[in-house]
Amino acid sequence: MIRIHLGPQGLGKVGICGVADFDAELTAAGRALASGGQARLPLAQLYSRGTSPDLAEGVDSVYLSHLFARRRLTPFTKALAEGDEHAHGVLAASVDHLRSTALDPHRSRIMSAVAARAADLSHLYVAGGASVLLDRLGHDIRFSHGVVEVPTAFEAELGLGERSLQIQPVALSRRVTLAEPAGDRLTLRIPAGAPPRIEPDHMAALRSLLGDGRAEVLAAIVTSGGVTGRQLASLLGVSDAAVSRCAAVLRQAGLIRTLRTGQAVRHVATALGHHLAQPSRSPL
């Protein structure tokens, strides 16, 4: 059990991340491999009951020392610890293969699952504040008297201090983990659950409410987890101008928001947009 002591100002520093963290997804994909009967594979040897490597950043000697405290050395992990070039080459190739098979073909589903869970959490936050959010995260996470209790394989006491507490849904994870603390934040990773699905009968109701074009655009944004205008136009087989008009109305209604990253403009659904598109989905 890890206990995170929020302190007197801690509830004001709780946030929800609605964007997929693909580094965390990569580590979760490796965990699934390790627990799926593939224990002899190189990547699987880097996991124990209480430790998970940050595969995107590489496996350093500090992590290996934590691993060796909880798991017996194998020839592969021993070679990594000794700096063997061949072992590190095997690790790099294994991570690349995992990324190309477990992440890249499923990025849209991962993004949509994370966005949908974040919308559920946002609904709780708006309705009851950070205390209600933390109390209803599920997965045996408990919140009481300013302390968040996170079920883990080892004991630790952490003070939030000046840092923020970020809740990060992870689509490929089936367990709760705490990311390595960063200077400005603690990140609590929780399972995201299934990606959103809009039932045919509700899609018909959306068309009646919003009109065919706007309903199709909202549904595509919700189920994609975030998409550019050009991608929307290609997906729906309409012009960029038609998508832009529909997106403008949905944005004014508070159902989507538009984010700019560099030259790219991406549309994402708000919590209201998610719940309008999926009324049967419970906010936990």
C-alpha atoms as a PDB file:
ATOM      1  CA  MET A   1       0.000   0.000   0.000  1.00  0.00           C
ATOM      2  CA  ILE A   2       1.286   3.458  -0.951  1.00  0.00           C
ATOM      3  CA  ARG A   3      -0.242   6.299   1.022  1.00  0.00           C
ATOM      4  CA  ILE A   4      -0.178   9.729  -0.595  1.00  0.00           C
ATOM      5  CA  HIS A   5      -0.679  12.517   1.948  1.00  0.00           C
ATOM      6  CA  LEU A   6      -2.247  15.430   0.100  1.00  0.00           C
ATOM      7  CA  GLY A   7      -1.768  18.080   2.747  1.00  0.00           C
ATOM      8  CA  PRO A   8      -4.042  21.077   3.364  1.00  0.00           C
ATOM      9  CA  GLN A   9      -3.949  22.347  -0.241  1.00  0.00           C
ATOM     10  CA  GLY A  10      -3.760  18.965  -1.975  1.00  0.00           C
ATOM     11  CA  LEU A  11      -7.362  18.699  -3.185  1.00  0.00           C
ATOM     12  CA  GLY A  12      -6.831  21.840  -5.239  1.00  0.00           C
ATOM     13  CA  LYS A  13      -3.937  20.197  -7.079  1.00  0.00           C
ATOM     14  CA  VAL A  14      -5.720  17.087  -8.375  1.00  0.00           C
ATOM     15  CA  GLY A  15      -6.014  16.868 -12.161  1.00  0.00           C
ATOM     16  CA  ILE A  16      -7.239  14.441 -14.811  1.00  0.00           C
ATOM     17  CA  CYS A  17      -5.327  13.706 -17.993  1.00  0.00           C
ATOM     18  CA  GLY A  18      -7.540  13.002 -21.001  1.00  0.00           C
ATOM     19  CA  VAL A  19      -4.686  12.404 -23.458  1.00  0.00           C
ATOM     20  CA  ALA A  20      -3.160   8.953 -23.867  1.00  0.00           C
ATOM     21  CA  ASP A  21       0.343   8.536 -22.429  1.00  0.00           C
ATOM     22  CA  PHE A  22       1.848   6.119 -24.940  1.00  0.00           C
ATOM     23  CA  ASP A  23       4.954   5.605 -22.810  1.00  0.00           C
ATOM     24  CA  ALA A  24       2.695   4.308 -20.025  1.00  0.00           C
ATOM     25  CA  GLU A  25       0.748   2.250 -22.583  1.00  0.00           C
ATOM     26  CA  LEU A  26       4.020   0.658 -23.753  1.00  0.00           C
ATOM     27  CA  THR A  27       4.943  -0.356 -20.210  1.00  0.00           C
ATOM     28  CA  ALA A  28       1.425  -1.733 -19.655  1.00  0.00           C
ATOM     29  CA  ALA A  29       1.667  -3.754 -22.879  1.00  0.00           C
ATOM     30  CA  GLY A  30       4.877  -5.307 -21.568  1.00  0.00           C
ATOM     31  CA  ARG A  31       3.138  -6.134 -18.286  1.00  0.00           C
ATOM     32  CA  ALA A  32       0.386  -7.927 -20.212  1.00  0.00           C
ATOM     33  CA  LEU A  33       3.065  -9.905 -22.035  1.00  0.00           C
ATOM     34  CA  ALA A  34       4.783 -10.808 -18.764  1.00  0.00           C
ATOM     35  CA  SER A  35       1.555 -12.041 -17.170  1.00  0.00           C
ATOM     36  CA  GLY A  36       0.286 -13.851 -20.259  1.00  0.00           C
ATOM     37  CA  GLY A  37       2.382 -17.004 -20.091  1.00  0.00           C
ATOM     38  CA  GLN A  38       5.404 -15.492 -21.867  1.00  0.00           C
ATOM     39  CA  ALA A  39       7.694 -15.314 -18.825  1.00  0.00           C
ATOM     40  CA  ARG A  40      10.775 -16.460 -20.750  1.00  0.00           C
ATOM     41  CA  LEU A  41      10.658 -13.602 -23.272  1.00  0.00           C
ATOM     42  CA  PRO A  42      13.277 -10.868 -22.678  1.00  0.00           C
ATOM     43  CA  LEU A  43      10.765  -8.126 -21.867  1.00  0.00           C
ATOM     44  CA  ALA A  44       8.817 -10.343 -19.478  1.00  0.00           C
ATOM     45  CA  GLN A  45      11.967 -10.815 -17.394  1.00  0.00           C
ATOM     46  CA  LEU A  46      11.998  -7.093 -16.602  1.00  0.00           C
ATOM     47  CA  TYR A  47       8.775  -7.219 -14.584  1.00  0.00           C
ATOM     48  CA  SER A  48       8.067  -8.390 -11.078  1.00  0.00           C
ATOM     49  CA  ARG A  49       4.937  -8.282  -8.966  1.00  0.00           C
ATOM     50  CA  GLY A  50       5.783  -4.815  -7.697  1.00  0.00           C
ATOM     51  CA  THR A  51       8.014  -3.286 -10.372  1.00  0.00           C
ATOM     52  CA  SER A  52       7.496  -2.201 -13.969  1.00  0.00           C
ATOM     53  CA  PRO A  53      10.176  -0.660 -16.203  1.00  0.00           C
ATOM     54  CA  ASP A  54       9.753   2.552 -18.149  1.00  0.00           C
ATOM     55  CA  LEU A  55      10.381   0.932 -21.520  1.00  0.00           C
ATOM     56  CA  ALA A  56      10.329   4.194 -23.452  1.00  0.00           C
ATOM     57  CA  GLU A  57      13.112   5.697 -21.325  1.00  0.00           C
ATOM     58  CA  GLY A  58      15.248   2.564 -21.198  1.00  0.00           C
ATOM     59  CA  VAL A  59      16.115   0.224 -18.350  1.00  0.00           C
ATOM     60  CA  ASP A  60      18.850   1.680 -16.169  1.00  0.00           C
ATOM     61  CA  SER A  61      20.935   0.271 -13.333  1.00  0.00           C
ATOM     62  CA  VAL A  62      18.715   1.873 -10.677  1.00  0.00           C
ATOM     63  CA  TYR A  63      15.657   0.065 -11.999  1.00  0.00           C
ATOM     64  CA  LEU A  64      17.563  -3.212 -12.282  1.00  0.00           C
ATOM     65  CA  SER A  65      18.639  -2.944  -8.637  1.00  0.00           C
ATOM     66  CA  HIS A  66      14.955  -2.590  -7.647  1.00  0.00           C
ATOM     67  CA  LEU A  67      14.098  -5.563  -9.843  1.00  0.00           C
ATOM     68  CA  PHE A  68      16.845  -7.759  -8.369  1.00  0.00           C
ATOM     69  CA  ALA A  69      15.518  -7.022  -4.885  1.00  0.00           C
ATOM     70  CA  ARG A  70      12.211  -8.619  -5.866  1.00  0.00           C
ATOM     71  CA  ARG A  71      13.122 -11.189  -8.507  1.00  0.00           C
ATOM     72  CA  ARG A  72      15.925 -13.652  -9.074  1.00  0.00           C
ATOM     73  CA  LEU A  73      18.500 -12.702 -11.702  1.00  0.00           C
ATOM     74  CA  THR A  74      18.242 -14.265 -15.132  1.00  0.00           C
ATOM     75  CA  PRO A  75      21.087 -14.479 -17.664  1.00  0.00           C
ATOM     76  CA  PHE A  76      19.401 -11.711 -19.673  1.00  0.00           C
ATOM     77  CA  THR A  77      18.866  -9.264 -16.787  1.00  0.00           C
ATOM     78  CA  LYS A  78      22.382  -9.993 -15.477  1.00  0.00           C
ATOM     79  CA  ALA A  79      23.807  -9.182 -18.919  1.00  0.00           C
ATOM     80  CA  LEU A  80      21.844  -5.911 -18.981  1.00  0.00           C
ATOM     81  CA  ALA A  81      23.207  -4.970 -15.569  1.00  0.00           C
ATOM     82  CA  GLU A  82      26.748  -5.675 -16.800  1.00  0.00           C
ATOM     83  CA  GLY A  83      26.265  -3.426 -19.834  1.00  0.00           C
ATOM     84  CA  ASP A  84      26.400  -6.212 -22.415  1.00  0.00           C
ATOM     85  CA  GLU A  85      25.817  -4.636 -25.847  1.00  0.00           C
ATOM     86  CA  HIS A  86      24.074  -7.690 -27.287  1.00  0.00           C
ATOM     87  CA  ALA A  87      21.603  -7.776 -24.372  1.00  0.00           C
ATOM     88  CA  HIS A  88      20.818  -4.082 -24.826  1.00  0.00           C
ATOM     89  CA  GLY A  89      20.325  -4.678 -28.556  1.00  0.00           C
ATOM     90  CA  VAL A  90      17.880  -7.490 -27.781  1.00  0.00           C
ATOM     91  CA  LEU A  91      16.033  -5.173 -25.396  1.00  0.00           C
ATOM     92  CA  ALA A  92      15.784  -2.385 -27.996  1.00  0.00           C
ATOM     93  CA  ALA A  93      14.504  -4.782 -30.668  1.00  0.00           C
ATOM     94  CA  SER A  94      11.962  -6.276 -28.248  1.00  0.00           C
ATOM     95  CA  VAL A  95      10.629  -2.832 -27.307  1.00  0.00           C
ATOM     96  CA  ASP A  96      10.353  -1.834 -30.978  1.00  0.00           C
ATOM     97  CA  HIS A  97       8.451  -5.042 -31.743  1.00  0.00           C
ATOM     98  CA  LEU A  98       6.098  -4.488 -28.813  1.00  0.00           C
ATOM     99  CA  ARG A  99       5.415  -0.918 -29.924  1.00  0.00           C
ATOM    100  CA  SER A 100       4.699  -1.959 -33.516  1.00  0.00           C
ATOM    101  CA  THR A 101       2.356  -4.803 -32.542  1.00  0.00           C
ATOM    102  CA  ALA A 102       0.636  -3.718 -29.316  1.00  0.00           C
ATOM    103  CA  LEU A 103       0.472   0.073 -29.744  1.00  0.00           C
ATOM    104  CA  ASP A 104       0.707   1.344 -33.299  1.00  0.00           C
ATOM    105  CA  PRO A 105      -2.236  -0.651 -34.775  1.00  0.00           C
ATOM    106  CA  HIS A 106      -4.471   0.324 -31.839  1.00  0.00           C
ATOM    107  CA  ARG A 107      -3.682   3.997 -31.232  1.00  0.00           C
ATOM    108  CA  SER A 108      -7.180   5.209 -32.070  1.00  0.00           C
ATOM    109  CA  ARG A 109      -8.835   2.714 -29.690  1.00  0.00           C
ATOM    110  CA  ILE A 110      -6.341   3.587 -26.964  1.00  0.00           C
ATOM    111  CA  MET A 111      -6.991   7.313 -27.392  1.00  0.00           C
ATOM    112  CA  SER A 112     -10.762   6.852 -27.336  1.00  0.00           C
ATOM    113  CA  ALA A 113     -10.687   4.632 -24.221  1.00  0.00           C
ATOM    114  CA  VAL A 114      -8.522   7.139 -22.355  1.00  0.00           C
ATOM    115  CA  ALA A 115     -10.663  10.099 -23.421  1.00  0.00           C
ATOM    116  CA  ALA A 116     -13.881   8.336 -22.396  1.00  0.00           C
ATOM    117  CA  ARG A 117     -12.576   7.403 -18.946  1.00  0.00           C
ATOM    118  CA  ALA A 118     -11.253  10.925 -18.455  1.00  0.00           C
ATOM    119  CA  ALA A 119     -14.711  12.254 -19.334  1.00  0.00           C
ATOM    120  CA  ASP A 120     -16.262   9.978 -16.693  1.00  0.00           C
ATOM    121  CA  LEU A 121     -13.787  11.226 -14.108  1.00  0.00           C
ATOM    122  CA  SER A 122     -14.384  14.840 -15.110  1.00  0.00           C
ATOM    123  CA  HIS A 123     -18.109  14.325 -14.569  1.00  0.00           C
ATOM    124  CA  LEU A 124     -17.403  13.180 -11.008  1.00  0.00           C
ATOM    125  CA  TYR A 125     -15.049  16.093 -10.413  1.00  0.00           C
ATOM    126  CA  VAL A 126     -17.561  18.678 -11.612  1.00  0.00           C
ATOM    127  CA  ALA A 127     -20.400  17.073  -9.643  1.00  0.00           C
ATOM    128  CA  GLY A 128     -18.622  16.616  -6.325  1.00  0.00           C
ATOM    129  CA  GLY A 129     -15.101  18.001  -6.410  1.00  0.00           C
ATOM    130  CA  ALA A 130     -11.751  16.291  -6.022  1.00  0.00           C
ATOM    131  CA  SER A 131     -12.733  14.427  -2.846  1.00  0.00           C
ATOM    132  CA  VAL A 132     -15.627  12.654  -4.606  1.00  0.00           C
ATOM    133  CA  LEU A 133     -13.390  11.904  -7.580  1.00  0.00           C
ATOM    134  CA  LEU A 134     -10.717  10.292  -5.401  1.00  0.00           C
ATOM    135  CA  ASP A 135     -13.295   8.425  -3.339  1.00  0.00           C
ATOM    136  CA  ARG A 136     -14.826   6.855  -6.455  1.00  0.00           C
ATOM    137  CA  LEU A 137     -11.779   6.009  -8.564  1.00  0.00           C
ATOM    138  CA  GLY A 138     -12.365   2.308  -7.875  1.00  0.00           C
ATOM    139  CA  HIS A 139      -9.707  -0.421  -8.244  1.00  0.00           C
ATOM    140  CA  ASP A 140      -9.401  -0.586  -4.424  1.00  0.00           C
ATOM    141  CA  ILE A 141      -8.083   2.984  -4.269  1.00  0.00           C
ATOM    142  CA  ARG A 142      -9.287   4.635  -1.066  1.00  0.00           C
ATOM    143  CA  PHE A 143      -9.447   8.251   0.010  1.00  0.00           C
ATOM    144  CA  SER A 144      -9.958   9.288   3.615  1.00  0.00           C
ATOM    145  CA  HIS A 145      -8.879  12.217   5.760  1.00  0.00           C
ATOM    146  CA  GLY A 146      -6.623  13.686   3.098  1.00  0.00           C
ATOM    147  CA  VAL A 147      -4.804  10.437   2.309  1.00  0.00           C
ATOM    148  CA  VAL A 148      -5.046   8.476  -0.951  1.00  0.00           C
ATOM    149  CA  GLU A 149      -4.325   4.779  -0.410  1.00  0.00           C
ATOM    150  CA  VAL A 150      -3.062   3.012  -3.534  1.00  0.00           C
ATOM    151  CA  PRO A 151      -2.948  -0.821  -3.533  1.00  0.00           C
ATOM    152  CA  THR A 152       0.598  -1.876  -4.385  1.00  0.00           C
ATOM    153  CA  ALA A 153       2.919  -4.762  -3.581  1.00  0.00           C
ATOM    154  CA  PHE A 154       5.026  -2.677  -1.187  1.00  0.00           C
ATOM    155  CA  GLU A 155       4.562  -0.089   1.548  1.00  0.00           C
ATOM    156  CA  ALA A 156       5.458   3.584   1.198  1.00  0.00           C
ATOM    157  CA  GLU A 157       4.414   6.980   2.545  1.00  0.00           C
ATOM    158  CA  LEU A 158       4.550   9.934   0.126  1.00  0.00           C
ATOM    159  CA  GLY A 159       3.800  13.584   0.730  1.00  0.00           C
ATOM    160  CA  LEU A 160       2.348  15.520  -2.185  1.00  0.00           C
ATOM    161  CA  GLY A 161       4.055  18.722  -1.086  1.00  0.00           C
ATOM    162  CA  GLU A 162       4.117  21.307  -3.870  1.00  0.00           C
ATOM    163  CA  ARG A 163       3.452  18.727  -6.560  1.00  0.00           C
ATOM    164  CA  SER A 164       0.165  18.060  -8.338  1.00  0.00           C
ATOM    165  CA  LEU A 165      -1.572  14.675  -8.388  1.00  0.00           C
ATOM    166  CA  GLN A 166      -2.462  13.625 -11.936  1.00  0.00           C
ATOM    167  CA  ILE A 167      -4.917  10.811 -12.668  1.00  0.00           C
ATOM    168  CA  GLN A 168      -3.846   9.100 -15.913  1.00  0.00           C
ATOM    169  CA  PRO A 169      -6.129   6.473 -17.477  1.00  0.00           C
ATOM    170  CA  VAL A 170      -4.157   3.737 -19.281  1.00  0.00           C
ATOM    171  CA  ALA A 171      -6.037   1.654 -21.839  1.00  0.00           C
ATOM    172  CA  LEU A 172      -3.722  -1.367 -21.873  1.00  0.00           C
ATOM    173  CA  SER A 173      -3.423  -1.638 -18.101  1.00  0.00           C
ATOM    174  CA  ARG A 174      -5.412  -3.905 -15.815  1.00  0.00           C
ATOM    175  CA  ARG A 175      -3.848  -2.666 -12.587  1.00  0.00           C
ATOM    176  CA  VAL A 176      -3.198   0.529 -10.668  1.00  0.00           C
ATOM    177  CA  THR A 177       0.372   1.849 -10.681  1.00  0.00           C
ATOM    178  CA  LEU A 178       2.146   4.961  -9.523  1.00  0.00           C
ATOM    179  CA  ALA A 179       4.590   6.429 -12.013  1.00  0.00           C
ATOM    180  CA  GLU A 180       8.065   7.319 -10.849  1.00  0.00           C
ATOM    181  CA  PRO A 181       7.588  10.669  -9.045  1.00  0.00           C
ATOM    182  CA  ALA A 182       8.515  13.702 -11.128  1.00  0.00           C
ATOM    183  CA  GLY A 183       9.671  17.029  -9.784  1.00  0.00           C
ATOM    184  CA  ASP A 184       6.309  18.750 -10.217  1.00  0.00           C
ATOM    185  CA  ARG A 185       3.779  15.922 -10.042  1.00  0.00           C
ATOM    186  CA  LEU A 186       2.790  12.454  -8.942  1.00  0.00           C
ATOM    187  CA  THR A 187       0.955  10.425 -11.580  1.00  0.00           C
ATOM    188  CA  LEU A 188      -1.531   7.758 -10.570  1.00  0.00           C
ATOM    189  CA  ARG A 189      -2.189   5.405 -13.487  1.00  0.00           C
ATOM    190  CA  ILE A 190      -5.522   3.588 -13.524  1.00  0.00           C
ATOM    191  CA  PRO A 191      -7.140   1.215 -16.053  1.00  0.00           C
ATOM    192  CA  ALA A 192      -9.122   3.111 -18.691  1.00  0.00           C
ATOM    193  CA  GLY A 193     -11.542   0.314 -19.542  1.00  0.00           C
ATOM    194  CA  ALA A 194     -13.197  -0.280 -22.893  1.00  0.00           C
ATOM    195  CA  PRO A 195     -13.273   2.353 -25.653  1.00  0.00           C
ATOM    196  CA  PRO A 196     -16.619   4.141 -26.192  1.00  0.00           C
ATOM    197  CA  ARG A 197     -19.303   2.632 -28.351  1.00  0.00           C
ATOM    198  CA  ILE A 198     -22.410   4.374 -29.640  1.00  0.00           C
ATOM    199  CA  GLU A 199     -25.386   2.059 -30.025  1.00  0.00           C
ATOM    200  CA  PRO A 200     -27.385   2.263 -33.299  1.00  0.00           C
ATOM    201  CA  ASP A 201     -30.628   3.286 -31.586  1.00  0.00           C
ATOM    202  CA  HIS A 202     -28.896   6.115 -29.779  1.00  0.00           C
ATOM    203  CA  MET A 203     -27.184   7.204 -32.986  1.00  0.00           C
ATOM    204  CA  ALA A 204     -30.651   7.631 -34.484  1.00  0.00           C
ATOM    205  CA  ALA A 205     -31.626   9.766 -31.478  1.00  0.00           C
ATOM    206  CA  LEU A 206     -28.486  11.879 -31.926  1.00  0.00           C
ATOM    207  CA  ARG A 207     -29.390  12.500 -35.567  1.00  0.00           C
ATOM    208  CA  SER A 208     -32.865  13.652 -34.546  1.00  0.00           C
ATOM    209  CA  LEU A 209     -31.418  15.981 -31.922  1.00  0.00           C
ATOM    210  CA  LEU A 210     -28.392  17.407 -33.733  1.00  0.00           C
ATOM    211  CA  GLY A 211     -29.027  16.743 -37.405  1.00  0.00           C
ATOM    212  CA  ASP A 212     -27.288  14.095 -39.494  1.00  0.00           C
ATOM    213  CA  GLY A 213     -24.005  15.932 -40.123  1.00  0.00           C
ATOM    214  CA  ARG A 214     -23.401  17.162 -36.594  1.00  0.00           C
ATOM    215  CA  ALA A 215     -24.368  13.780 -35.104  1.00  0.00           C
ATOM    216  CA  GLU A 216     -21.892  11.979 -37.368  1.00  0.00           C
ATOM    217  CA  VAL A 217     -19.129  14.436 -36.524  1.00  0.00           C
ATOM    218  CA  LEU A 218     -19.740  14.171 -32.758  1.00  0.00           C
ATOM    219  CA  ALA A 219     -19.829  10.354 -32.917  1.00  0.00           C
ATOM    220  CA  ALA A 220     -16.565  10.244 -34.874  1.00  0.00           C
ATOM    221  CA  ILE A 221     -14.842  12.585 -32.416  1.00  0.00           C
ATOM    222  CA  VAL A 222     -16.062  10.591 -29.400  1.00  0.00           C
ATOM    223  CA  THR A 223     -15.070   7.199 -30.759  1.00  0.00           C
ATOM    224  CA  SER A 224     -11.694   8.391 -32.061  1.00  0.00           C
ATOM    225  CA  GLY A 225     -10.554  10.041 -28.857  1.00  0.00           C
ATOM    226  CA  GLY A 226      -9.447  13.073 -30.855  1.00  0.00           C
ATOM    227  CA  VAL A 227      -9.167  13.731 -34.564  1.00  0.00           C
ATOM    228  CA  THR A 228      -8.173  16.527 -36.950  1.00  0.00           C
ATOM    229  CA  GLY A 229     -10.649  18.226 -39.267  1.00  0.00           C
ATOM    230  CA  ARG A 230      -8.982  16.717 -42.320  1.00  0.00           C
ATOM    231  CA  GLN A 231      -9.120  13.231 -40.800  1.00  0.00           C
ATOM    232  CA  LEU A 232     -12.798  13.757 -40.006  1.00  0.00           C
ATOM    233  CA  ALA A 233     -13.540  14.831 -43.558  1.00  0.00           C
ATOM    234  CA  SER A 234     -11.770  11.759 -44.936  1.00  0.00           C
ATOM    235  CA  LEU A 235     -13.457   9.443 -42.450  1.00  0.00           C
ATOM    236  CA  LEU A 236     -16.971  10.756 -43.145  1.00  0.00           C
ATOM    237  CA  GLY A 237     -16.511  11.381 -46.877  1.00  0.00           C
ATOM    238  CA  VAL A 238     -17.449  15.063 -46.723  1.00  0.00           C
ATOM    239  CA  SER A 239     -15.658  18.337 -47.419  1.00  0.00           C
ATOM    240  CA  ASP A 240     -13.338  20.098 -44.975  1.00  0.00           C
ATOM    241  CA  ALA A 241     -15.747  23.046 -44.995  1.00  0.00           C
ATOM    242  CA  ALA A 242     -18.705  20.850 -43.977  1.00  0.00           C
ATOM    243  CA  VAL A 243     -16.709  19.413 -41.078  1.00  0.00           C
ATOM    244  CA  SER A 244     -15.628  22.902 -40.016  1.00  0.00           C
ATOM    245  CA  ARG A 245     -19.235  24.138 -39.927  1.00  0.00           C
ATOM    246  CA  CYS A 246     -20.413  21.160 -37.867  1.00  0.00           C
ATOM    247  CA  ALA A 247     -17.455  21.424 -35.488  1.00  0.00           C
ATOM    248  CA  ALA A 248     -18.139  25.134 -34.927  1.00  0.00           C
ATOM    249  CA  VAL A 249     -21.727  24.418 -33.817  1.00  0.00           C
ATOM    250  CA  LEU A 250     -20.660  21.515 -31.567  1.00  0.00           C
ATOM    251  CA  ARG A 251     -17.950  23.673 -30.024  1.00  0.00           C
ATOM    252  CA  GLN A 252     -20.403  26.515 -29.318  1.00  0.00           C
ATOM    253  CA  ALA A 253     -22.732  23.981 -27.658  1.00  0.00           C
ATOM    254  CA  GLY A 254     -19.924  22.803 -25.359  1.00  0.00           C
ATOM    255  CA  LEU A 255     -19.848  19.293 -26.829  1.00  0.00           C
ATOM    256  CA  ILE A 256     -16.309  19.444 -28.233  1.00  0.00           C
ATOM    257  CA  ARG A 257     -13.209  21.573 -27.843  1.00  0.00           C
ATOM    258  CA  THR A 258     -10.487  22.258 -30.354  1.00  0.00           C
ATOM    259  CA  LEU A 259      -6.812  21.960 -29.446  1.00  0.00           C
ATOM    260  CA  ARG A 260      -3.893  23.296 -31.441  1.00  0.00           C
ATOM    261  CA  THR A 261      -0.553  21.476 -31.342  1.00  0.00           C
ATOM    262  CA  GLY A 262       1.926  23.185 -33.627  1.00  0.00           C
ATOM    263  CA  GLN A 263       0.265  23.328 -37.043  1.00  0.00           C
ATOM    264  CA  ALA A 264      -2.267  20.586 -36.234  1.00  0.00           C
ATOM    265  CA  VAL A 265      -5.776  21.341 -34.973  1.00  0.00           C
ATOM    266  CA  ARG A 266      -7.466  18.455 -33.209  1.00  0.00           C
ATOM    267  CA  HIS A 267     -11.083  18.118 -32.075  1.00  0.00           C
ATOM    268  CA  VAL A 268     -11.823  16.273 -28.814  1.00  0.00           C
ATOM    269  CA  ALA A 269     -15.117  15.670 -27.041  1.00  0.00           C
ATOM    270  CA  THR A 270     -15.865  17.350 -23.725  1.00  0.00           C
ATOM    271  CA  ALA A 271     -17.348  15.426 -20.806  1.00  0.00           C
ATOM    272  CA  LEU A 272     -20.770  16.724 -21.892  1.00  0.00           C
ATOM    273  CA  GLY A 273     -20.150  15.523 -25.446  1.00  0.00           C
ATOM    274  CA  HIS A 274     -19.153  12.063 -24.240  1.00  0.00           C
ATOM    275  CA  HIS A 275     -22.228  11.695 -22.067  1.00  0.00           C
ATOM    276  CA  LEU A 276     -24.580  12.978 -24.731  1.00  0.00           C
ATOM    277  CA  ALA A 277     -23.169  10.400 -27.150  1.00  0.00           C
ATOM    278  CA  GLN A 278     -23.141   7.598 -24.569  1.00  0.00           C
ATOM    279  CA  PRO A 279     -25.965   8.124 -22.053  1.00  0.00           C
ATOM    280  CA  SER A 280     -25.812   4.500 -20.897  1.00  0.00           C
ATOM    281  CA  ARG A 281     -22.163   4.821 -19.817  1.00  0.00           C
ATOM    282  CA  SER A 282     -22.003   5.309 -16.065  1.00  0.00           C
ATOM    283  CA  PRO A 283     -19.694   7.982 -14.645  1.00  0.00           C
ATOM    284  CA  LEU A 284     -18.611   5.351 -12.047  1.00  0.00           C
END
